[in-house]
């Protein structure tokens, strides 16, 4: 065997070893790609299921929001009526307070008038008594 043949044999053996390593690498790469494809398929199915559930949840949420908006709009007149009732109660309280103040003022005026009348009556009685007493003395 010549040096050229030995070099060719070494190159051939190296090429076979290289092809074996590349074959093993491609085989492992194929298995990895297969597992990746299975994982992606599983994830796709899970995402589809989640998407379906999410659509249901969003649909229910929209229905609940519509119902809440409807009930809220129905409550608006009641809330307004309650606010008006509160304002009316405040107005009645203010009117009652004014009426009470007027009655108290009239009561005070009447009390002062009675005192003036009583004082005037006492004075008149004293004057009359004094005139009678003077006339008896004369």
Protein backbone atom coordinates (compact mmCIF):
# COMPACT_ATOMS: atom_id res chain seq x y z
CA UNK A 1 0.00 0.00 0.00
CA UNK A 2 1.27 3.33 -0.95
CA UNK A 3 1.19 6.54 0.98
CA UNK A 4 -1.56 7.90 -1.30
CA UNK A 5 -3.68 4.85 -0.69
CA UNK A 6 -3.16 5.10 3.09
CA UNK A 7 -4.08 8.80 2.98
CA UNK A 8 -7.18 7.93 0.96
CA UNK A 9 -8.10 5.18 3.41
CA UNK A 10 -7.68 7.58 6.35
CA UNK A 11 -9.78 10.18 4.54
CA UNK A 12 -12.43 7.55 3.80
CA UNK A 13 -12.49 6.39 7.43
CA UNK A 14 -12.69 10.02 8.60
CA UNK A 15 -15.51 10.59 6.14
CA UNK A 16 -17.39 7.51 7.43
CA UNK A 17 -16.90 8.66 11.05
CA UNK A 18 -18.07 12.14 10.04
CA UNK A 19 -21.13 10.69 8.30
CA UNK A 20 -21.89 8.56 11.40
CA UNK A 21 -21.68 11.61 13.69
CA UNK A 22 -23.79 13.65 11.31
CA UNK A 23 -26.29 10.75 11.12
CA UNK A 24 -26.49 10.51 14.93
CA UNK A 25 -26.80 14.30 15.16
CA UNK A 26 -29.57 14.36 12.56
CA UNK A 27 -31.32 11.45 14.26
CA UNK A 28 -31.27 13.26 17.63
CA UNK A 29 -32.29 16.47 15.90
CA UNK A 30 -35.21 14.62 14.30
CA UNK A 31 -36.33 13.26 17.69
CA UNK A 32 -36.02 16.73 19.21
CA UNK A 33 -38.06 18.22 16.38
CA UNK A 34 -40.66 15.46 16.82
CA UNK A 35 -40.96 16.22 20.56
CA UNK A 36 -41.13 19.94 19.80
CA UNK A 37 -43.91 19.32 17.28
CA UNK A 38 -45.84 17.23 19.86
CA UNK A 39 -45.40 19.96 22.49
CA UNK A 40 -46.55 22.64 20.06
CA UNK A 41 -49.59 20.53 19.13
CA UNK A 42 -50.43 20.09 22.83
CA UNK A 43 -49.99 23.79 23.45
CA UNK A 44 -52.19 24.58 20.46
CA UNK A 45 -54.94 22.34 21.84
CA UNK A 46 -54.59 23.93 25.30
CA UNK A 47 -54.66 27.43 23.80
CA UNK A 48 -57.77 26.52 21.79
CA UNK A 49 -59.50 25.24 24.94
CA UNK A 50 -58.45 28.34 26.88
CA UNK A 51 -59.62 30.57 24.05
CA UNK A 52 -63.01 28.85 24.06
CA UNK A 53 -63.30 29.22 27.84
CA UNK A 54 -62.19 32.84 27.63
CA UNK A 55 -64.87 33.53 25.01
CA UNK A 56 -67.47 32.04 27.37
CA UNK A 57 -66.20 34.13 30.28
CA UNK A 58 -66.21 37.30 28.17
CA UNK A 59 -69.72 36.53 26.93
CA UNK A 60 -70.95 36.05 30.50
CA UNK A 61 -69.18 39.22 31.57
CA UNK A 62 -70.82 41.20 28.78
CA UNK A 63 -74.24 39.83 29.76
CA UNK A 64 -73.64 40.74 33.40
CA UNK A 65 -72.51 44.25 32.46
CA UNK A 66 -75.58 44.75 30.27
CA UNK A 67 -77.81 43.55 33.12
CA UNK A 68 -76.00 45.81 35.57
CA UNK A 69 -76.33 48.81 33.25
CA UNK A 70 -80.05 48.10 32.79
CA UNK A 71 -80.66 47.79 36.51
CA UNK A 72 -78.57 50.87 37.17
CA UNK A 73 -80.63 52.91 34.71
CA UNK A 74 -83.81 51.60 36.36
CA UNK A 75 -82.51 52.72 39.77
CA UNK A 76 -81.71 56.25 38.60
CA UNK A 77 -85.28 57.56 39.10
CA UNK A 78 -85.43 56.01 42.59
CA UNK A 79 -82.13 57.59 43.57
CA UNK A 80 -83.33 60.93 42.21
CA UNK A 81 -86.60 60.57 44.13
CA UNK A 82 -84.70 59.82 47.33
CA UNK A 83 -82.50 62.86 46.74
CA UNK A 84 -85.62 64.99 46.14
CA UNK A 85 -87.19 63.54 49.29
CA UNK A 86 -84.10 64.50 51.27
CA UNK A 87 -84.28 68.03 49.88
CA UNK A 88 -88.00 68.18 50.73
CA UNK A 89 -87.29 67.02 54.28
CA UNK A 90 -84.66 69.74 54.59
CA UNK A 91 -87.15 72.31 53.30
CA UNK A 92 -89.81 71.10 55.78
CA UNK A 93 -87.27 71.30 58.63
CA UNK A 94 -86.33 74.84 57.61
CA UNK A 95 -90.00 75.87 57.41
CA UNK A 96 -90.73 74.27 60.80
CA UNK A 97 -87.73 76.06 62.30
CA UNK A 98 -88.95 79.41 60.91
CA UNK A 99 -92.48 78.74 62.18
CA UNK A 100 -91.15 77.83 65.63
CA UNK A 101 -89.01 80.97 65.69
CA UNK A 102 -92.07 83.08 64.77
CA UNK A 103 -94.17 81.41 67.47
CA UNK A 104 -91.44 81.98 70.05
CA UNK A 105 -91.21 85.64 69.00
CA UNK A 106 -95.01 86.03 69.23
CA UNK A 107 -94.99 84.30 72.61
CA UNK A 108 -92.32 86.70 73.84
CA UNK A 109 -94.29 89.68 72.48
CA UNK A 110 -97.48 88.40 74.13
CA UNK A 111 -95.62 87.85 77.40
CA UNK A 112 -94.26 91.41 77.26
CA UNK A 113 -97.76 92.69 76.41
CA UNK A 114 -99.26 90.82 79.38
CA UNK A 115 -96.57 92.25 81.63
CA UNK A 116 -97.26 95.76 80.31
CA UNK A 117 -101.00 95.23 80.78
CA UNK A 118 -100.48 93.85 84.27
CA UNK A 119 -98.23 96.77 85.16
CA UNK A 120 -100.75 99.21 83.70
CA UNK A 121 -103.56 97.49 85.63
CA UNK A 122 -101.59 97.67 88.86
CA UNK A 123 -100.82 101.30 88.27
CA UNK A 124 -104.48 102.05 87.49
CA UNK A 125 -105.58 100.15 90.58
CA UNK A 126 -103.07 102.02 92.72
CA UNK A 127 -104.22 105.34 91.24
CA UNK A 128 -107.86 104.45 91.89
CA UNK A 129 -107.10 103.29 95.39
CA UNK A 130 -105.14 106.42 96.03
CA UNK A 131 -108.03 108.61 94.73
CA UNK A 132 -110.49 106.72 96.90
CA UNK A 133 -108.28 107.07 99.88
CA UNK A 134 -107.88 110.79 99.25
CA UNK A 135 -111.58 111.26 98.76
CA UNK A 136 -112.30 109.50 102.06
CA UNK A 137 -109.87 111.72 103.80
CA UNK A 138 -111.57 114.85 102.46
